[in-house]
Amino acid sequence: MTAIAPAGFRTHEVFNQAPPRTGVNEYTSNIPLVEGVSRHDAAWATEALIDIGELVGTESFQHDAELANTVTPVFRSHDRYGNRIDEVEYHPSYHRIIGAAVAHGAHTAAWADPKPGANIARAATFMLFSQVEAGHACPVSMTHSVVPALEFSPEIAQTWLPRLYSRGYDGRLRPPGEKPGVLFGMAMTEKQGGSDVRVNTTRAVPNSDGNWSLTGHKWFCSAPMSDGFLILAQAQDAYLPGNEATLSCFLVPRVLADGTRNVFRIQRLKDKLGNKSNASSEIELDGTVGYLVGEPGRGVRTIIEMVARTRLDCVYGSTAGMRQSVAEALWHIRHRSAFGATLIDQPAMTAVAADLALESEAATVTALRLARAHDADADASEKAFRRLATAVSKYWICKRGPHHAYEALECLGGNGYTESFPLARRYREQPVMAVWEGSGNVIALDVLRAMTREPESVQAFDAELARARGASVLFDRQHDRMRTALTELSVLSPDRAQLRARAVASSMALGLQASLLLRYSPTAVAEAFLAARLGEDRDLQYGSLPAGTDFAAVLDRH
């Protein structure tokens, strides 16, 4: 008998799958972002943003993003000879990503050249890089945010700001004056206190040469290979009665000017849910050299300037994540068919995709409005507005991120749940934006604090919303409800006010987003958003849009 050769692998033909989403310019394909950049006085950055959009859309950049999150950082406590080195080793892909972000000014471009629209351009740059790889954004954000804190000490600022403004990157531990540029981190929280930083036990004692020696343990210190850190410690101040300790802020270099490595003992790296490419650690300080930033006893006041800016970057990061979720979901459903039609043309899927796009656009217009309010030309009203609006937006947008990512993931079906596609990583990434720099309760209470201590911020916030009055009955009703809630809140006891803080913050956030969409986005987009979020038939899930929604008008922008 003659053997018959096997027929091959005719059963393994691949069809009805979306092609790889590469070669897409992530800037020009994001119409709400493009419009916002032009609207808010940053059209001068268009060419650079197009270049960035092309870069982060390449197959090689996406592959680097995957590698940075799968070949994760490794802690090296000692070298081969037994010397304590306290280094974290990253995959080269991470260095390529963060090096590119720094080269394009994602860290401090708005400080280095503070013209109108500077924070818009920097926000767009930050979001484009964060859209594809989120972990590197942590040290990039902290480096941006440290600038106003360092300005409390002019001598320190004079030395460190030129290094921060540089667009060079070198990930090795070297003397900061010998590097092409530097990155910053911070360490506030300790295991016994968390957000209650005033119970920190790290101590600082003055030295005869004008610096300080710090001793203590920090529970969270992200990006431990950074060149400098702002750290809170209880300063033993000889000028206060009884040598009373006061919580103060210190700059701790990882490597001292003479090349000596500062005492910065990494205890372990945190095994986090997401944010895998970015190392987060516990550290021990033991006679560690630090330099006082700001006044003794004013540590929280000094470092809060850094915290405020990182909170804004959390809004950017969540918004970037929403954009990635929408882009990946739409790419899939525009290429895949089921039940005789492309998925995007199936009414149920059309509604889900459009609703996800609405959420993304609302976050984008809000993030850019906040960015413009942080420019150097902001007047007193703008500063009052941003104080309250940043907290409100951080609370709302960052909380919307995880559910948004999950729903987008579901659009891909089983593929979305696998690590081969980026939305599984995004789903794990989004919660960190809500936790970082103040989780929900902390931010909601900060909203209350701003309203109580800075009543002008409430007036500025209300004036912002009032610009959209008369454009929509649904919006006017929401604005009226918000005003009533704020009035009622002002007469409640502190405990009762806390119980209402989350609801009021949510109401304010929805009002702000609705007002901005009414002013800046096409009518079809604004009406669909208001109906889905404020209408009588609104639903808790994505995809419940009213009949008559112009789905094409919404989706064509994404």
Protein backbone atom coordinates (compact mmCIF):
# COMPACT_ATOMS: atom_id res chain seq x y z
CA MET A 1 0.00 0.00 0.00
CA THR A 2 1.20 3.55 -0.74
CA ALA A 3 1.18 6.06 2.13
CA ILE A 4 -0.77 9.30 1.52
CA ALA A 5 0.93 12.51 2.68
CA PRO A 6 -1.01 14.72 5.10
CA ALA A 7 -2.90 17.56 3.47
CA GLY A 8 -1.19 20.25 5.54
CA PHE A 9 -2.79 22.78 7.84
CA ARG A 10 -5.84 23.89 5.87
CA THR A 11 -7.75 24.14 9.17
CA HIS A 12 -5.40 26.84 10.44
CA GLU A 13 -6.35 29.60 8.03
CA VAL A 14 -6.66 32.89 9.93
CA PHE A 15 -9.42 35.23 8.82
CA ASN A 16 -11.96 37.63 10.29
CA GLN A 17 -9.32 39.02 12.64
CA ALA A 18 -8.30 42.67 12.93
CA PRO A 19 -4.86 43.45 11.53
CA PRO A 20 -2.18 44.72 13.92
CA ARG A 21 -2.93 48.27 15.00
CA THR A 22 0.44 49.75 14.06
CA GLY A 23 1.45 52.68 11.90
CA VAL A 24 -1.46 54.77 13.19
CA ASN A 25 -0.59 58.34 14.12
CA GLU A 26 -1.96 58.51 17.64
CA TYR A 27 -2.17 62.29 17.56
CA THR A 28 -3.85 63.04 14.22
CA SER A 29 -6.32 60.17 14.73
CA ASN A 30 -7.51 61.68 18.03
CA ILE A 31 -9.74 64.52 16.84
CA PRO A 32 -10.81 65.79 20.30
CA LEU A 33 -7.15 66.10 21.26
CA VAL A 34 -6.21 67.87 18.03
CA GLU A 35 -9.08 70.33 18.44
CA GLY A 36 -8.20 70.99 22.07
CA VAL A 37 -4.56 71.74 21.30
CA SER A 38 -5.60 74.34 18.73
CA ARG A 39 -8.41 75.77 20.84
CA HIS A 40 -6.22 76.35 23.87
CA ASP A 41 -3.39 78.29 22.21
CA ALA A 42 -0.96 75.44 21.52
CA ALA A 43 -1.22 75.15 17.74
CA TRP A 44 2.49 76.07 17.69
CA ALA A 45 3.17 72.52 19.01
CA THR A 46 1.30 70.73 16.22
CA GLU A 47 4.33 69.59 14.24
CA ALA A 48 6.04 68.17 17.32
CA LEU A 49 2.86 66.40 18.44
CA ILE A 50 2.41 64.84 14.99
CA ASP A 51 5.95 63.48 15.28
CA ILE A 52 5.21 62.06 18.72
CA GLY A 53 1.94 60.56 17.52
CA GLU A 54 3.80 58.81 14.72
CA LEU A 55 6.51 57.56 17.09
CA VAL A 56 4.23 56.02 19.72
CA GLY A 57 2.14 54.41 16.98
CA THR A 58 5.05 52.44 15.56
CA GLU A 59 5.34 48.70 15.96
CA SER A 60 8.73 49.08 17.65
CA PHE A 61 7.43 51.49 20.31
CA GLN A 62 4.47 49.23 21.04
CA HIS A 63 6.82 46.27 21.33
CA ASP A 64 8.97 48.21 23.77
CA ALA A 65 5.85 48.94 25.82
CA GLU A 66 5.06 45.24 25.96
CA LEU A 67 8.62 44.27 26.90
CA ALA A 68 8.85 46.91 29.62
CA ASN A 69 5.79 45.38 31.26
CA THR A 70 6.68 41.71 30.82
CA VAL A 71 10.41 41.84 31.55
CA THR A 72 9.84 43.76 34.76
CA PRO A 73 12.35 45.62 36.97
CA VAL A 74 14.68 43.56 39.15
CA PHE A 75 16.18 44.69 42.45
CA ARG A 76 19.92 44.17 42.88
CA SER A 77 20.88 44.69 46.52
CA HIS A 78 24.58 43.80 46.13
CA ASP A 79 27.10 43.46 43.37
CA ARG A 80 29.06 40.24 42.74
CA TYR A 81 31.70 41.25 45.27
CA GLY A 82 29.27 41.80 48.12
CA ASN A 83 29.09 45.60 47.95
CA ARG A 84 25.71 47.09 48.73
CA ILE A 85 24.52 48.89 45.57
CA ASP A 86 20.70 49.18 45.90
CA GLU A 87 20.06 49.31 42.18
CA VAL A 88 17.03 48.45 40.09
CA GLU A 89 17.68 46.96 36.68
CA TYR A 90 15.21 47.73 33.91
CA HIS A 91 14.86 46.17 30.49
CA PRO A 92 16.42 48.41 27.78
CA SER A 93 12.93 48.95 26.37
CA TYR A 94 12.00 50.98 29.45
CA HIS A 95 15.02 53.23 29.00
CA ARG A 96 14.15 53.76 25.33
CA ILE A 97 10.59 54.77 26.23
CA ILE A 98 11.41 57.15 29.05
CA GLY A 99 14.35 58.55 27.10
CA ALA A 100 12.03 59.40 24.21
CA ALA A 101 9.46 60.97 26.54
CA VAL A 102 12.13 63.17 28.13
CA ALA A 103 13.60 64.09 24.76
CA HIS A 104 10.18 65.37 23.67
CA GLY A 105 9.67 67.39 26.87
CA ALA A 106 6.98 65.26 28.52
CA HIS A 107 8.57 66.07 31.87
CA THR A 108 9.31 69.79 32.18
CA ALA A 109 8.75 71.51 28.83
CA ALA A 110 5.97 73.70 30.24
CA TRP A 111 8.30 75.02 32.96
CA ALA A 112 11.28 75.49 30.65
CA ASP A 113 9.29 77.61 28.17
CA PRO A 114 6.24 78.95 30.03
CA LYS A 115 4.27 80.57 27.20
CA PRO A 116 0.50 80.44 26.56
CA GLY A 117 -0.49 76.88 25.74
CA ALA A 118 2.71 75.42 27.19
CA ASN A 119 0.84 73.14 29.57
CA ILE A 120 -1.49 72.09 26.76
CA ALA A 121 1.44 70.97 24.63
CA ARG A 122 3.04 69.22 27.58
CA ALA A 123 -0.25 67.53 28.53
CA ALA A 124 -0.74 66.26 24.98
CA THR A 125 2.84 64.99 24.88
CA PHE A 126 2.43 63.27 28.25
CA MET A 127 -0.86 61.66 27.20
CA LEU A 128 0.46 60.38 23.89
CA PHE A 129 3.34 58.57 25.55
CA SER A 130 1.15 57.37 28.44
CA GLN A 131 -1.47 56.06 26.06
CA VAL A 132 0.88 53.33 24.89
CA GLU A 133 3.07 52.81 27.99
CA ALA A 134 1.86 54.08 31.33
CA GLY A 135 4.49 53.03 33.87
CA HIS A 136 7.24 55.41 32.79
CA ALA A 137 4.85 58.30 33.30
CA CYS A 138 5.31 58.07 37.08
CA PRO A 139 8.87 59.48 37.22
CA VAL A 140 8.10 61.79 34.31
CA SER A 141 5.18 63.21 36.28
CA MET A 142 7.12 63.57 39.51
CA THR A 143 9.92 65.34 37.67
CA HIS A 144 7.43 67.83 36.26
CA SER A 145 5.69 68.28 39.58
CA VAL A 146 8.75 68.89 41.74
CA VAL A 147 9.56 72.25 40.13
CA PRO A 148 7.23 74.51 42.18
CA ALA A 149 8.28 72.79 45.41
CA LEU A 150 11.99 73.38 44.76
CA GLU A 151 11.28 77.05 44.13
CA PHE A 152 10.66 77.46 47.87
CA SER A 153 14.46 77.27 48.22
CA PRO A 154 16.12 79.53 45.61
CA GLU A 155 19.64 78.15 46.12
CA ILE A 156 18.45 74.59 45.56
CA ALA A 157 16.34 75.68 42.60
CA GLN A 158 19.29 77.45 41.01
CA THR A 159 21.28 74.21 41.08
CA TRP A 160 18.62 71.66 40.21
CA LEU A 161 16.17 73.36 37.84
CA PRO A 162 18.57 73.56 34.86
CA ARG A 163 19.13 69.82 35.28
CA LEU A 164 15.38 69.20 35.39
CA TYR A 165 14.74 71.29 32.29
CA SER A 166 17.27 69.36 30.25
CA ARG A 167 15.98 66.85 27.72
CA GLY A 168 18.81 64.39 28.19
CA TYR A 169 18.36 61.03 29.91
CA ASP A 170 20.79 58.64 31.56
CA GLY A 171 19.32 55.90 33.75
CA ARG A 172 22.55 55.11 35.58
CA LEU A 173 23.37 56.21 39.13
CA ARG A 174 25.88 59.02 38.63
CA PRO A 175 26.55 62.43 40.23
CA PRO A 176 23.66 64.67 39.13
CA GLY A 177 26.03 67.35 37.85
CA GLU A 178 27.59 64.85 35.45
CA LYS A 179 24.33 63.66 33.89
CA PRO A 180 22.62 65.08 30.78
CA GLY A 181 19.42 65.50 32.79
CA VAL A 182 17.80 64.30 36.02
CA LEU A 183 14.56 62.74 37.18
CA PHE A 184 12.81 63.11 40.52
CA GLY A 185 10.70 61.00 42.84
CA MET A 186 9.08 61.49 46.22
CA ALA A 187 8.51 59.54 49.43
CA MET A 188 5.87 60.75 51.87
CA THR A 189 3.93 57.79 53.22
CA GLU A 190 4.97 55.36 55.92
CA LYS A 191 3.42 52.06 56.87
CA GLN A 192 1.83 53.31 60.08
CA GLY A 193 0.21 56.37 58.54
CA GLY A 194 -0.46 56.16 54.82
CA SER A 195 -2.23 59.35 53.80
CA ASP A 196 -1.89 60.71 57.34
CA VAL A 197 1.65 61.90 56.70
CA ARG A 198 1.81 63.99 59.89
CA VAL A 199 2.34 60.82 61.93
CA ASN A 200 5.55 60.04 59.99
CA THR A 201 8.37 58.85 62.22
CA THR A 202 11.35 59.53 59.91
CA ARG A 203 13.67 61.92 61.72
CA ALA A 204 16.00 64.61 60.44
CA VAL A 205 18.78 66.17 62.51
CA PRO A 206 20.86 69.17 61.37
CA ASN A 207 24.53 68.77 60.56
CA SER A 208 27.23 71.36 61.06
CA ASP A 209 27.70 71.87 57.31
CA GLY A 210 24.10 72.98 56.77
CA ASN A 211 22.61 69.75 55.48
CA TRP A 212 20.59 67.20 57.46
CA SER A 213 20.79 63.50 58.31
CA LEU A 214 17.58 61.53 57.81
CA THR A 215 16.74 58.20 59.45
CA GLY A 216 13.52 56.25 58.88
CA HIS A 217 11.46 53.97 56.66
CA LYS A 218 9.28 54.91 53.70
CA TRP A 219 6.52 52.50 52.69
CA PHE A 220 6.12 53.71 49.09
CA CYS A 221 8.91 55.16 46.99
CA SER A 222 8.33 54.85 43.26
CA ALA A 223 11.07 55.11 40.65
CA PRO A 224 13.90 54.51 43.16
CA MET A 225 16.56 54.97 40.46
CA SER A 226 15.66 58.65 40.17
CA ASP A 227 18.36 61.23 40.83
CA GLY A 228 16.62 63.08 43.64
CA PHE A 229 13.62 62.75 45.93
CA LEU A 230 11.47 64.99 48.05
CA ILE A 231 11.04 63.28 51.40
CA LEU A 232 9.04 64.25 54.48
CA ALA A 233 10.72 63.91 57.87
CA GLN A 234 10.31 65.26 61.37
CA ALA A 235 13.01 67.94 61.68
CA GLN A 236 14.59 68.36 65.09
CA ASP A 237 14.57 72.15 65.16
CA ALA A 238 16.80 73.64 67.85
CA TYR A 239 15.08 77.01 67.49
CA LEU A 240 11.70 75.73 68.66
CA PRO A 241 10.82 75.38 72.37
CA GLY A 242 11.97 72.03 73.71
CA ASN A 243 13.64 71.12 70.43
CA GLU A 244 10.22 70.18 69.11
CA ALA A 245 10.18 68.05 65.97
CA THR A 246 8.32 69.52 63.01
CA LEU A 247 7.36 67.84 59.74
CA SER A 248 9.58 69.27 57.03
CA CYS A 249 10.52 68.61 53.42
CA PHE A 250 13.97 67.53 52.26
CA LEU A 251 15.71 66.95 48.96
CA VAL A 252 17.57 63.64 49.08
CA PRO A 253 19.99 62.99 46.19
CA ARG A 254 20.68 59.36 45.32
CA VAL A 255 24.25 60.22 44.49
CA LEU A 256 26.07 63.09 46.17
CA ALA A 257 28.01 65.73 44.26
CA ASP A 258 31.35 64.05 45.00
CA GLY A 259 30.15 60.75 43.53
CA THR A 260 29.43 59.08 46.87
CA ARG A 261 26.21 57.09 46.90
CA ASN A 262 23.80 58.41 49.50
CA VAL A 263 22.42 55.92 52.01
CA PHE A 264 19.26 54.78 50.23
CA ARG A 265 18.57 51.17 51.13
CA ILE A 266 15.92 49.56 49.00
CA GLN A 267 14.17 46.88 51.07
CA ARG A 268 12.05 45.35 48.34
CA LEU A 269 10.07 46.15 45.22
CA LYS A 270 6.30 46.14 45.50
CA ASP A 271 4.47 43.42 43.58
CA LYS A 272 1.72 45.60 42.14
CA LEU A 273 -1.52 44.82 40.35
CA GLY A 274 -0.40 46.90 37.40
CA ASN A 275 2.12 49.62 36.62
CA LYS A 276 4.61 46.79 36.18
CA SER A 277 7.26 48.64 34.19
CA ASN A 278 7.69 51.20 36.98
CA ALA A 279 9.51 49.99 40.08
CA SER A 280 7.94 50.97 43.40
CA SER A 281 9.85 50.23 46.57
CA GLU A 282 10.21 50.41 50.31
CA ILE A 283 13.34 52.23 51.42
CA GLU A 284 15.37 52.70 54.58
CA LEU A 285 17.20 55.94 55.36
CA ASP A 286 20.02 55.78 57.90
CA GLY A 287 21.97 58.98 58.29
CA THR A 288 20.99 59.83 54.73
CA VAL A 289 22.07 63.28 53.54
CA GLY A 290 19.21 65.65 52.81
CA TYR A 291 18.75 69.36 52.13
CA LEU A 292 15.92 71.35 53.66
CA VAL A 293 13.39 72.60 51.09
CA GLY A 294 11.20 75.42 52.30
CA GLU A 295 10.81 76.33 55.96
CA PRO A 296 11.11 73.89 58.88
CA GLY A 297 7.69 72.68 59.93
CA ARG A 298 6.19 73.56 56.53
CA GLY A 299 6.84 70.20 54.91
CA VAL A 300 3.27 69.49 53.86
CA ARG A 301 2.84 73.00 52.51
CA THR A 302 6.05 72.60 50.50
CA ILE A 303 5.43 69.16 49.06
CA ILE A 304 1.72 69.78 48.40
CA GLU A 305 2.80 71.85 45.40
CA MET A 306 4.27 68.66 43.99
CA VAL A 307 1.22 66.62 44.97
CA ALA A 308 -1.16 69.03 43.23
CA ARG A 309 0.66 68.69 39.92
CA THR A 310 0.89 64.92 40.13
CA ARG A 311 -2.85 64.81 40.76
CA LEU A 312 -3.34 66.71 37.53
CA ASP A 313 -1.13 64.18 35.77
CA CYS A 314 -3.35 61.42 37.16
CA VAL A 315 -6.18 63.04 35.22
CA TYR A 316 -3.99 63.05 32.11
CA GLY A 317 -3.02 59.43 32.68
CA SER A 318 -6.58 58.21 33.09
CA THR A 319 -7.60 60.19 30.02
CA ALA A 320 -4.75 58.64 28.02
CA GLY A 321 -5.92 55.23 29.17
CA MET A 322 -9.46 55.94 28.01
CA ARG A 323 -8.12 56.97 24.62
CA GLN A 324 -6.15 53.74 24.30
CA SER A 325 -9.22 51.73 25.31
CA VAL A 326 -11.44 53.42 22.74
CA ALA A 327 -8.83 53.24 19.98
CA GLU A 328 -8.17 49.53 20.50
CA ALA A 329 -11.87 48.64 20.85
CA LEU A 330 -12.86 50.58 17.74
CA TRP A 331 -10.01 49.07 15.73
CA HIS A 332 -11.25 45.60 16.59
CA ILE A 333 -14.94 46.12 15.97
CA ARG A 334 -14.34 48.01 12.72
CA HIS A 335 -12.46 45.00 11.34
CA ARG A 336 -14.30 41.99 12.77
CA SER A 337 -17.64 40.61 11.57
CA ALA A 338 -20.29 38.52 13.32
CA PHE A 339 -23.84 37.51 12.48
CA GLY A 340 -23.57 38.85 8.97
CA ALA A 341 -22.25 42.35 9.68
CA THR A 342 -19.16 44.17 10.91
CA LEU A 343 -19.33 44.51 14.69
CA ILE A 344 -19.35 48.30 14.55
CA ASP A 345 -22.56 48.11 12.51
CA GLN A 346 -24.35 45.92 15.05
CA PRO A 347 -26.62 48.37 16.92
CA ALA A 348 -25.81 47.06 20.40
CA MET A 349 -22.07 47.31 19.78
CA THR A 350 -22.42 50.70 18.10
CA ALA A 351 -24.06 52.06 21.24
CA VAL A 352 -21.36 50.68 23.55
CA ALA A 353 -18.53 52.01 21.39
CA ALA A 354 -20.15 55.43 21.09
CA ASP A 355 -20.68 55.64 24.84
CA LEU A 356 -17.04 54.74 25.49
CA ALA A 357 -16.03 57.43 22.99
CA LEU A 358 -18.20 59.98 24.79
CA GLU A 359 -16.48 59.22 28.07
CA SER A 360 -13.08 59.58 26.44
CA GLU A 361 -13.95 62.88 24.80
CA ALA A 362 -15.39 64.28 28.03
CA ALA A 363 -12.18 63.38 29.85
CA THR A 364 -10.06 64.89 27.08
CA VAL A 365 -11.79 68.27 26.99
CA THR A 366 -11.66 68.42 30.80
CA ALA A 367 -7.98 67.51 31.00
CA LEU A 368 -7.05 70.15 28.43
CA ARG A 369 -9.17 72.82 30.08
CA LEU A 370 -7.33 72.13 33.34
CA ALA A 371 -3.99 72.21 31.55
CA ARG A 372 -4.68 75.67 30.14
CA ALA A 373 -5.60 76.92 33.61
CA HIS A 374 -2.12 75.91 34.80
CA ASP A 375 -0.25 78.07 32.30
CA ALA A 376 1.92 80.93 33.51
CA ASP A 377 -0.56 83.54 32.28
CA ALA A 378 -3.36 82.27 34.54
CA ASP A 379 -5.04 85.09 36.45
CA ALA A 380 -6.48 84.86 39.97
CA SER A 381 -9.79 83.50 38.74
CA GLU A 382 -8.10 80.77 36.70
CA LYS A 383 -5.97 79.77 39.68
CA ALA A 384 -9.04 79.57 41.89
CA PHE A 385 -10.84 77.50 39.27
CA ARG A 386 -7.99 75.03 38.84
CA ARG A 387 -7.62 74.53 42.59
CA LEU A 388 -11.11 73.06 42.87
CA ALA A 389 -11.56 71.69 39.36
CA THR A 390 -8.37 69.62 39.50
CA ALA A 391 -9.50 67.84 42.67
CA VAL A 392 -13.01 67.31 41.31
CA SER A 393 -11.68 65.94 38.02
CA LYS A 394 -9.08 63.75 39.68
CA TYR A 395 -11.82 62.18 41.76
CA TRP A 396 -14.22 61.55 38.89
CA ILE A 397 -12.12 60.80 35.82
CA CYS A 398 -9.73 58.50 37.63
CA LYS A 399 -12.62 56.56 39.11
CA ARG A 400 -14.24 56.19 35.69
CA GLY A 401 -11.06 54.73 34.23
CA PRO A 402 -11.21 51.09 35.42
CA HIS A 403 -14.83 50.47 34.39
CA HIS A 404 -14.19 52.17 31.06
CA ALA A 405 -11.17 49.93 30.44
CA TYR A 406 -13.14 46.83 31.33
CA GLU A 407 -15.99 47.67 28.96
CA ALA A 408 -13.55 48.37 26.14
CA LEU A 409 -11.79 45.09 26.89
CA GLU A 410 -15.10 43.27 26.56
CA CYS A 411 -15.52 44.66 23.04
CA LEU A 412 -12.61 42.41 22.04
CA GLY A 413 -14.25 39.37 23.57
CA GLY A 414 -11.85 36.66 24.69
CA ASN A 415 -8.94 38.38 22.95
CA GLY A 416 -9.35 41.35 25.25
CA TYR A 417 -8.82 39.17 28.29
CA THR A 418 -5.45 37.89 27.08
CA GLU A 419 -2.12 39.56 27.73
CA SER A 420 -1.35 39.46 24.00
CA PHE A 421 -3.62 42.48 23.56
CA PRO A 422 -2.93 45.78 25.38
CA LEU A 423 -6.32 46.24 27.05
CA ALA A 424 -5.65 43.61 29.70
CA ARG A 425 -2.63 45.67 30.72
CA ARG A 426 -4.68 48.86 30.58
CA TYR A 427 -7.38 47.36 32.80
CA ARG A 428 -4.74 46.65 35.45
CA GLU A 429 -3.17 50.05 34.95
CA GLN A 430 -6.18 52.33 35.38
CA PRO A 431 -6.80 51.83 39.15
CA VAL A 432 -3.40 53.26 40.08
CA MET A 433 -4.50 56.69 38.87
CA ALA A 434 -7.35 56.66 41.37
CA VAL A 435 -5.11 55.46 44.21
CA TRP A 436 -1.99 57.53 43.51
CA GLU A 437 -1.75 60.90 45.26
CA GLY A 438 -4.98 60.45 47.14
CA SER A 439 -7.62 57.77 46.77
CA GLY A 440 -11.33 58.57 46.53
CA ASN A 441 -12.01 59.65 50.09
CA VAL A 442 -8.84 61.72 50.33
CA ILE A 443 -9.68 63.61 47.14
CA ALA A 444 -13.34 64.08 48.05
CA LEU A 445 -12.27 65.53 51.37
CA ASP A 446 -9.82 67.78 49.56
CA VAL A 447 -12.75 69.08 47.54
CA LEU A 448 -14.46 69.99 50.82
CA ARG A 449 -11.27 71.57 52.11
CA ALA A 450 -10.91 73.74 49.02
CA MET A 451 -14.51 74.93 49.23
CA THR A 452 -14.13 75.80 52.92
CA ARG A 453 -10.72 77.43 52.88
CA GLU A 454 -10.87 78.99 49.43
CA PRO A 455 -14.48 80.03 48.76
CA GLU A 456 -13.30 81.95 45.72
CA SER A 457 -12.64 78.55 44.11
CA VAL A 458 -16.36 77.73 44.34
CA GLN A 459 -17.24 81.03 42.68
CA ALA A 460 -14.73 80.44 39.89
CA PHE A 461 -15.96 76.89 39.35
CA ASP A 462 -19.57 78.00 39.19
CA ALA A 463 -18.67 80.80 36.76
CA GLU A 464 -17.02 78.24 34.48
CA LEU A 465 -20.18 76.17 34.35
CA ALA A 466 -22.38 79.22 33.94
CA ARG A 467 -20.79 79.87 30.54
CA ALA A 468 -22.87 77.00 29.17
CA ARG A 469 -26.18 78.10 30.72
CA GLY A 470 -29.05 78.12 28.29
CA ALA A 471 -27.53 75.62 25.87
CA SER A 472 -29.35 72.62 27.34
CA VAL A 473 -32.26 72.08 29.70
CA LEU A 474 -30.58 68.97 31.08
CA PHE A 475 -27.43 70.91 31.82
CA ASP A 476 -29.26 73.82 33.44
CA ARG A 477 -31.05 71.39 35.74
CA GLN A 478 -27.78 69.72 36.67
CA HIS A 479 -26.18 73.09 37.35
CA ASP A 480 -29.11 74.06 39.57
CA ARG A 481 -28.87 70.78 41.50
CA MET A 482 -25.16 71.31 41.99
CA ARG A 483 -25.69 74.83 43.29
CA THR A 484 -28.31 73.58 45.74
CA ALA A 485 -26.03 70.79 46.93
CA LEU A 486 -23.17 73.21 47.51
CA THR A 487 -25.41 75.54 49.50
CA GLU A 488 -26.68 72.68 51.66
CA LEU A 489 -23.16 71.38 52.16
CA SER A 490 -21.94 74.71 53.49
CA VAL A 491 -24.17 74.50 56.59
CA LEU A 492 -23.60 70.85 57.47
CA SER A 493 -21.42 69.69 60.35
CA PRO A 494 -18.01 68.32 59.31
CA ASP A 495 -19.16 64.72 59.82
CA ARG A 496 -22.32 65.19 57.79
CA ALA A 497 -20.39 67.02 55.10
CA GLN A 498 -18.01 64.06 54.79
CA LEU A 499 -20.95 61.79 54.08
CA ARG A 500 -21.95 64.03 51.18
CA ALA A 501 -18.46 64.69 49.81
CA ARG A 502 -18.41 61.97 47.16
CA ALA A 503 -21.86 62.75 45.84
CA VAL A 504 -21.09 66.46 45.59
CA ALA A 505 -17.75 65.84 43.87
CA SER A 506 -19.47 63.60 41.33
CA SER A 507 -22.17 66.17 40.66
CA MET A 508 -19.58 68.89 40.14
CA ALA A 509 -17.51 66.72 37.81
CA LEU A 510 -20.46 65.81 35.62
CA GLY A 511 -21.50 69.44 35.49
CA LEU A 512 -18.02 70.52 34.44
CA GLN A 513 -17.77 67.88 31.72
CA ALA A 514 -21.22 68.66 30.38
CA SER A 515 -20.51 72.40 30.26
CA LEU A 516 -17.23 71.88 28.39
CA LEU A 517 -18.77 69.53 25.84
CA LEU A 518 -21.58 71.99 25.21
CA ARG A 519 -19.04 74.73 24.54
CA TYR A 520 -16.34 72.84 22.70
CA SER A 521 -17.67 69.66 21.06
CA PRO A 522 -20.17 69.13 18.24
CA THR A 523 -23.82 69.35 19.25
CA ALA A 524 -24.39 65.64 18.60
CA VAL A 525 -21.62 64.72 21.02
CA ALA A 526 -22.78 67.06 23.78
CA GLU A 527 -26.43 66.02 23.48
CA ALA A 528 -25.58 62.31 23.57
CA PHE A 529 -23.38 62.78 26.63
CA LEU A 530 -25.97 64.78 28.52
CA ALA A 531 -28.74 62.31 27.71
CA ALA A 532 -26.60 59.34 28.78
CA ARG A 533 -25.28 60.92 31.99
CA LEU A 534 -28.01 63.33 33.07
CA GLY A 535 -31.19 62.20 31.30
CA GLU A 536 -34.14 60.55 33.02
CA ASP A 537 -33.40 57.21 31.34
CA ARG A 538 -29.68 57.22 32.17
CA ASP A 539 -28.16 53.85 33.01
CA LEU A 540 -25.25 52.73 35.15
CA GLN A 541 -23.75 50.74 32.28
CA TYR A 542 -22.18 51.88 29.03
CA GLY A 543 -24.22 51.47 25.87
CA SER A 544 -27.62 52.79 26.94
CA LEU A 545 -27.80 55.73 24.59
CA PRO A 546 -31.17 57.23 23.61
CA ALA A 547 -32.87 56.66 20.29
CA GLY A 548 -31.89 59.33 17.81
CA THR A 549 -28.25 59.47 18.91
CA ASP A 550 -26.04 60.41 15.97
CA PHE A 551 -23.62 57.52 16.40
CA ALA A 552 -21.61 58.34 13.30
CA ALA A 553 -21.00 61.90 14.46
CA VAL A 554 -19.69 60.60 17.79
CA LEU A 555 -17.54 57.76 16.45
CA ASP A 556 -16.01 59.57 13.47
CA ARG A 557 -14.05 61.70 15.95
CA HIS A 558 -12.27 58.60 17.25
